Protein backbone atom coordinates (compact mmCIF):
# COMPACT_ATOMS: atom_id res chain seq x y z
CA UNK A 1 6.25 22.84 20.55
CA UNK A 2 2.58 23.40 19.81
CA UNK A 3 0.77 26.71 19.50
CA UNK A 4 -1.12 25.70 22.63
CA UNK A 5 2.13 25.64 24.64
CA UNK A 6 2.68 29.37 24.11
CA UNK A 7 1.83 31.96 26.73
CA UNK A 8 0.92 35.57 25.98
CA UNK A 9 -0.08 38.57 28.05
CA UNK A 10 -3.39 40.36 27.74
CA UNK A 11 -3.33 44.08 27.09
CA UNK A 12 -3.97 44.49 30.83
CA UNK A 13 -0.90 42.39 31.68
CA UNK A 14 -2.52 39.10 32.72
CA UNK A 15 -0.86 35.87 31.57
CA UNK A 16 -2.92 33.90 29.08
CA UNK A 17 -2.38 30.40 27.74
CA UNK A 18 -3.22 29.89 24.09
CA UNK A 19 -4.46 26.45 25.13
CA UNK A 20 -7.56 28.34 26.34
CA UNK A 21 -8.47 28.58 22.64
CA UNK A 22 -8.15 24.84 21.96
CA UNK A 23 -11.07 23.76 19.76
CA UNK A 24 -11.60 27.27 18.37
CA UNK A 25 -10.68 28.78 15.05
CA UNK A 26 -8.25 31.66 15.67
CA UNK A 27 -7.44 34.68 13.56
CA UNK A 28 -4.20 36.16 14.91
CA UNK A 29 -3.28 39.67 13.73
CA UNK A 30 -0.38 42.01 14.46
CA UNK A 31 -1.98 45.43 14.82
CA UNK A 32 -1.06 49.12 14.99
CA UNK A 33 -3.28 52.11 15.77
CA UNK A 34 -1.60 54.63 13.49
CA UNK A 35 -1.31 52.58 10.30
CA UNK A 36 -3.03 52.91 6.95
CA UNK A 37 -4.55 49.47 7.59
CA UNK A 38 -5.99 50.48 11.00
CA UNK A 39 -9.53 50.70 9.52
CA UNK A 40 -9.37 46.87 9.38
CA UNK A 41 -10.12 46.91 13.12
CA UNK A 42 -13.78 47.43 12.20
CA UNK A 43 -13.78 44.37 9.93
CA UNK A 44 -12.01 42.28 12.56
CA UNK A 45 -14.58 43.39 15.12
CA UNK A 46 -17.41 42.43 12.74
CA UNK A 47 -15.89 38.94 12.37
CA UNK A 48 -15.65 38.70 16.17
CA UNK A 49 -19.29 39.70 16.60
CA UNK A 50 -20.58 37.51 13.76
CA UNK A 51 -18.61 34.33 14.43
CA UNK A 52 -17.43 34.54 18.03
CA UNK A 53 -20.42 32.52 19.20
CA UNK A 54 -19.68 29.89 16.56
CA UNK A 55 -16.11 29.31 17.72
CA UNK A 56 -13.96 32.08 16.21
CA UNK A 57 -11.42 33.91 18.37
CA UNK A 58 -9.94 37.07 16.88
CA UNK A 59 -6.71 37.93 18.71
CA UNK A 60 -4.88 41.23 18.25
CA UNK A 61 -1.18 41.68 19.03
CA UNK A 62 -0.02 45.29 18.84
CA UNK A 63 3.52 45.84 17.61
CA UNK A 64 5.56 49.01 17.19
CA UNK A 65 8.08 47.52 14.76
CA UNK A 66 6.84 49.21 11.61
CA UNK A 67 7.42 52.97 11.23
CA UNK A 68 6.59 53.69 14.90
CA UNK A 69 2.87 53.16 14.20
CA UNK A 70 2.05 51.79 17.68
CA UNK A 71 4.02 54.07 20.04
CA UNK A 72 1.53 54.22 22.90
CA UNK A 73 1.36 52.10 26.04
CA UNK A 74 -1.11 49.25 26.41
CA UNK A 75 -3.70 51.25 28.39
CA UNK A 76 -3.81 53.92 25.68
CA UNK A 77 -3.95 51.32 22.91
CA UNK A 78 -6.88 49.54 24.58
CA UNK A 79 -8.75 52.80 25.09
CA UNK A 80 -8.17 54.01 21.52
CA UNK A 81 -9.19 50.68 20.00
CA UNK A 82 -12.39 50.59 22.02
CA UNK A 83 -13.36 54.24 21.51
CA UNK A 84 -12.24 54.73 17.90
CA UNK A 85 -12.92 51.29 16.45
CA UNK A 86 -15.37 49.55 18.82
CA UNK A 87 -12.91 46.71 19.50
CA UNK A 88 -14.08 44.16 22.04
CA UNK A 89 -12.07 41.16 20.78
CA UNK A 90 -9.02 40.25 22.90
CA UNK A 91 -6.02 42.54 22.53
CA UNK A 92 -2.65 41.63 23.98
CA UNK A 93 0.46 43.34 25.26
CA UNK A 94 2.75 44.83 22.62
CA UNK A 95 5.20 42.29 21.24
CA UNK A 96 7.96 41.97 18.67
CA UNK A 97 6.75 40.06 15.62
CA UNK A 98 10.16 39.93 13.94
CA UNK A 99 13.85 40.30 14.66
CA UNK A 100 15.99 39.29 17.62
CA UNK A 101 13.26 39.79 20.21
CA UNK A 102 10.53 37.97 18.26
CA UNK A 103 7.83 36.62 20.56
CA UNK A 104 7.55 32.79 20.60
CA UNK A 105 4.04 33.08 19.11
CA UNK A 106 5.30 34.83 16.00
CA UNK A 107 8.35 32.59 15.79
CA UNK A 108 5.92 29.65 15.64
CA UNK A 109 3.48 31.31 13.20
CA UNK A 110 6.13 32.43 10.72
CA UNK A 111 7.81 29.01 10.80
CA UNK A 112 4.51 27.24 10.11
CA UNK A 113 3.33 29.70 7.43
CA UNK A 114 6.15 31.52 5.66
CA UNK A 115 5.24 34.50 3.55
CA UNK A 116 5.89 35.34 -0.08
CA UNK A 117 8.85 33.44 -1.55
CA UNK A 118 9.19 31.47 1.68
CA UNK A 119 10.29 34.47 3.73
CA UNK A 120 9.44 34.04 7.39
CA UNK A 121 9.63 37.65 8.53
CA UNK A 122 6.51 39.75 9.03
CA UNK A 123 6.68 42.65 6.57
CA UNK A 124 4.03 45.03 7.97
CA UNK A 125 1.13 45.58 10.33
CA UNK A 126 -2.09 43.59 9.96
CA UNK A 127 -0.53 40.37 8.71
CA UNK A 128 -3.06 37.68 9.62
CA UNK A 129 -2.77 33.99 10.48
CA UNK A 130 -5.76 31.66 10.35
CA UNK A 131 -5.54 28.73 12.78
CA UNK A 132 -7.83 25.68 12.77
CA UNK A 133 -9.54 24.05 15.75
CA UNK A 134 -6.50 21.78 16.27
CA UNK A 135 -3.98 24.61 16.50
CA UNK A 136 -2.61 24.20 12.98
CA UNK A 137 -1.75 27.28 10.94
CA UNK A 138 -3.98 27.02 7.89
CA UNK A 139 -3.00 30.18 6.03
CA UNK A 140 -1.11 33.45 6.28
CA UNK A 141 -2.70 36.58 4.84
CA UNK A 142 -1.00 39.80 3.82
CA UNK A 143 -1.90 43.19 5.32
CA UNK A 144 -3.88 44.01 2.17
CA UNK A 145 -6.13 40.98 2.67
CA UNK A 146 -9.10 42.55 4.42
CA UNK A 147 -11.25 40.71 6.97
CA UNK A 148 -14.09 40.62 4.41
CA UNK A 149 -11.80 38.89 1.91
CA UNK A 150 -10.93 36.06 4.30
CA UNK A 151 -14.39 35.58 5.80
CA UNK A 152 -15.32 32.64 3.55
CA UNK A 153 -12.23 30.71 4.67
CA UNK A 154 -13.18 31.32 8.30
CA UNK A 155 -16.68 30.03 7.57
CA UNK A 156 -15.27 26.84 5.99
CA UNK A 157 -13.18 26.11 9.09
CA UNK A 158 -16.08 26.81 11.44
CA UNK A 159 -18.31 24.43 9.46
CA UNK A 160 -15.72 21.64 9.71
CA UNK A 161 -16.44 19.40 12.66
């Protein structure tokens, strides 16, 4: 199964095929609005604004699996992200990023790019996955890796033709 075979739901509940992003570089992030890493929304938005026209798609996937830091419904999440952080990049419906109910997207991502010591599980909010134009997972970044820190790697992928 390819990343492009996976379906997700937008934060407004519409089905979305990841194949719509074929040919783009993707930065996929599990997010939470009440987390110490929530200020990274601004950096993710800056990447979206700076590189979106060059082929970058930043995709946010809220999850409430870490210390109840995303307890709200999708409408509230969308509103808070837009008002408090200026988010205009695509947000999606809340999903499980680990455990028995893990979404197929995160099952794929964690299989392709295990974390520290080969562990597949997501450990916290704002874990990031960088995907190339062919749908291959290039790298997994920890929550402490800020958008600014990974920008040069995004640029390298965008400059690859």
